[in-house]
C-alpha atoms as a PDB file:
ATOM      1  CA  MET A   1     -64.030  59.417  49.973  1.00  0.00           C
ATOM      2  CA  THR A   2     -61.409  56.928  49.036  1.00  0.00           C
ATOM      3  CA  SER A   3     -57.620  56.920  50.137  1.00  0.00           C
ATOM      4  CA  GLY A   4     -54.958  58.107  48.007  1.00  0.00           C
ATOM      5  CA  HIS A   5     -53.785  54.636  48.077  1.00  0.00           C
ATOM      6  CA  SER A   6     -56.968  53.458  46.523  1.00  0.00           C
ATOM      7  CA  THR A   7     -56.712  55.851  43.910  1.00  0.00           C
ATOM      8  CA  ASN A   8     -53.068  55.267  43.018  1.00  0.00           C
ATOM      9  CA  ARG A   9     -54.091  51.585  42.706  1.00  0.00           C
ATOM     10  CA  GLN A  10     -56.663  52.672  40.242  1.00  0.00           C
ATOM     11  CA  LEU A  11     -54.567  54.821  38.217  1.00  0.00           C
ATOM     12  CA  GLY A  12     -51.852  52.114  38.231  1.00  0.00           C
ATOM     13  CA  ALA A  13     -54.190  49.356  36.958  1.00  0.00           C
ATOM     14  CA  ALA A  14     -55.715  51.717  34.199  1.00  0.00           C
ATOM     15  CA  LEU A  15     -52.046  52.634  32.991  1.00  0.00           C
ATOM     16  CA  LYS A  16     -51.325  48.774  33.242  1.00  0.00           C
ATOM     17  CA  ARG A  17     -54.557  48.323  30.942  1.00  0.00           C
ATOM     18  CA  ALA A  18     -53.881  51.142  28.334  1.00  0.00           C
ATOM     19  CA  ALA A  19     -50.492  49.709  27.727  1.00  0.00           C
ATOM     20  CA  GLN A  20     -51.389  46.082  27.582  1.00  0.00           C
ATOM     21  CA  ARG A  21     -53.639  47.412  24.747  1.00  0.00           C
ATOM     22  CA  ALA A  22     -51.284  49.370  23.097  1.00  0.00           C
ATOM     23  CA  GLY A  23     -48.665  46.930  23.204  1.00  0.00           C
ATOM     24  CA  GLU A  24     -51.183  43.959  21.510  1.00  0.00           C
ATOM     25  CA  GLN A  25     -51.763  46.778  18.431  1.00  0.00           C
ATOM     26  CA  THR A  26     -48.193  47.869  18.064  1.00  0.00           C
ATOM     27  CA  PRO A  27     -46.068  45.732  15.692  1.00  0.00           C
ATOM     28  CA  ALA A  28     -42.636  47.152  17.345  1.00  0.00           C
ATOM     29  CA  VAL A  29     -43.994  46.253  20.540  1.00  0.00           C
ATOM     30  CA  ARG A  30     -45.420  42.652  19.995  1.00  0.00           C
ATOM     31  CA  GLY A  31     -42.940  41.565  17.212  1.00  0.00           C
ATOM     32  CA  ALA A  32     -42.953  39.960  13.832  1.00  0.00           C
ATOM     33  CA  ASP A  33     -45.743  37.845  13.115  1.00  0.00           C
ATOM     34  CA  TRP A  34     -46.774  35.932  10.127  1.00  0.00           C
ATOM     35  CA  ARG A  35     -50.523  34.017   9.318  1.00  0.00           C
ATOM     36  CA  LEU A  36     -52.051  32.923   6.110  1.00  0.00           C
ATOM     37  CA  ALA A  37     -54.394  34.914   4.074  1.00  0.00           C
ATOM     38  CA  THR A  38     -56.255  35.391   0.864  1.00  0.00           C
ATOM     39  CA  VAL A  39     -54.994  37.431  -1.917  1.00  0.00           C
ATOM     40  CA  THR A  40     -57.857  39.893  -2.999  1.00  0.00           C
ATOM     41  CA  ALA A  41     -55.906  41.615  -5.817  1.00  0.00           C
ATOM     42  CA  VAL A  42     -52.624  41.496  -7.713  1.00  0.00           C
ATOM     43  CA  THR A  43     -51.667  45.550  -8.198  1.00  0.00           C
ATOM     44  CA  GLY A  44     -48.164  45.159 -10.140  1.00  0.00           C
ATOM     45  CA  GLY A  45     -45.199  46.137  -9.035  1.00  0.00           C
ATOM     46  CA  GLY A  46     -44.170  42.971  -6.798  1.00  0.00           C
ATOM     47  CA  LEU A  47     -47.157  43.470  -4.224  1.00  0.00           C
ATOM     48  CA  VAL A  48     -50.117  41.996  -4.087  1.00  0.00           C
ATOM     49  CA  GLU A  49     -53.455  42.781  -1.457  1.00  0.00           C
ATOM     50  CA  VAL A  50     -54.617  40.326   1.111  1.00  0.00           C
ATOM     51  CA  ASP A  51     -57.354  40.467   3.455  1.00  0.00           C
ATOM     52  CA  GLY A  52     -57.253  44.250   4.144  1.00  0.00           C
ATOM     53  CA  VAL A  53     -53.705  44.197   3.825  1.00  0.00           C
ATOM     54  CA  LEU A  54     -53.161  47.234   0.913  1.00  0.00           C
ATOM     55  CA  GLU A  55     -49.531  46.699   0.094  1.00  0.00           C
ATOM     56  CA  VAL A  56     -47.726  43.689   0.599  1.00  0.00           C
ATOM     57  CA  ARG A  57     -44.579  42.906  -0.670  1.00  0.00           C
ATOM     58  CA  ARG A  58     -43.891  39.579  -2.297  1.00  0.00           C
ATOM     59  CA  LEU A  59     -40.505  37.700  -2.686  1.00  0.00           C
ATOM     60  CA  ALA A  60     -39.139  36.470  -6.152  1.00  0.00           C
ATOM     61  CA  SER A  61     -40.059  33.191  -5.459  1.00  0.00           C
ATOM     62  CA  TYR A  62     -43.647  33.959  -5.411  1.00  0.00           C
ATOM     63  CA  ALA A  63     -43.616  34.573  -9.338  1.00  0.00           C
ATOM     64  CA  ALA A  64     -47.164  33.630 -10.297  1.00  0.00           C
ATOM     65  CA  PRO A  65     -49.990  35.225  -7.675  1.00  0.00           C
ATOM     66  CA  ALA A  66     -53.285  34.757  -8.410  1.00  0.00           C
ATOM     67  CA  VAL A  67     -56.538  36.526  -6.977  1.00  0.00           C
ATOM     68  CA  GLY A  68     -58.256  33.490  -4.656  1.00  0.00           C
ATOM     69  CA  GLN A  69     -54.808  32.209  -3.397  1.00  0.00           C
ATOM     70  CA  VAL A  70     -53.982  31.265   0.394  1.00  0.00           C
ATOM     71  CA  ILE A  71     -50.838  32.304   0.948  1.00  0.00           C
ATOM     72  CA  VAL A  72     -48.288  32.909   4.200  1.00  0.00           C
ATOM     73  CA  ILE A  73     -47.619  36.234   5.170  1.00  0.00           C
ATOM     74  CA  SER A  74     -45.705  38.373   7.415  1.00  0.00           C
ATOM     75  CA  GLN A  75     -45.344  41.058   9.170  1.00  0.00           C
ATOM     76  CA  SER A  76     -42.018  42.873  10.522  1.00  0.00           C
ATOM     77  CA  SER A  77     -41.435  44.512  13.794  1.00  0.00           C
ATOM     78  CA  SER A  78     -41.653  47.714  12.213  1.00  0.00           C
ATOM     79  CA  GLY A  79     -44.718  46.832  10.702  1.00  0.00           C
ATOM     80  CA  ASN A  80     -43.827  45.968   6.924  1.00  0.00           C
ATOM     81  CA  TRP A  81     -45.878  43.155   5.460  1.00  0.00           C
ATOM     82  CA  LEU A  82     -43.848  40.286   3.144  1.00  0.00           C
ATOM     83  CA  ALA A  83     -45.669  37.370   0.619  1.00  0.00           C
ATOM     84  CA  LEU A  84     -43.992  34.480   1.198  1.00  0.00           C
ATOM     85  CA  GLY A  85     -46.624  32.656  -1.165  1.00  0.00           C
ATOM     86  CA  PRO A  86     -48.428  29.385  -1.324  1.00  0.00           C
ATOM     87  CA  LEU A  87     -48.422  26.237   1.241  1.00  0.00           C
ATOM     88  CA  ALA A  88     -47.883  23.425  -0.341  1.00  0.00           C
END
């Protein structure tokens, strides 16, 4: 038999773990992020596909995307992606 305090602690720990998992996977919670990615398709309309991300908007300065290029991409806190272009 478990006490009420023990049950409350277990519930609190479970809620904390669930909130942490949700925060790690939600851009609005974790904030903006950037990483390197490989261009897998140039789709036109100012968009590229990279490493499974289908619609990444290119900066105007990234005028010549090519499949296989390693580029910097950034994700905003709202979840939108931006292709900054290759590093020097």
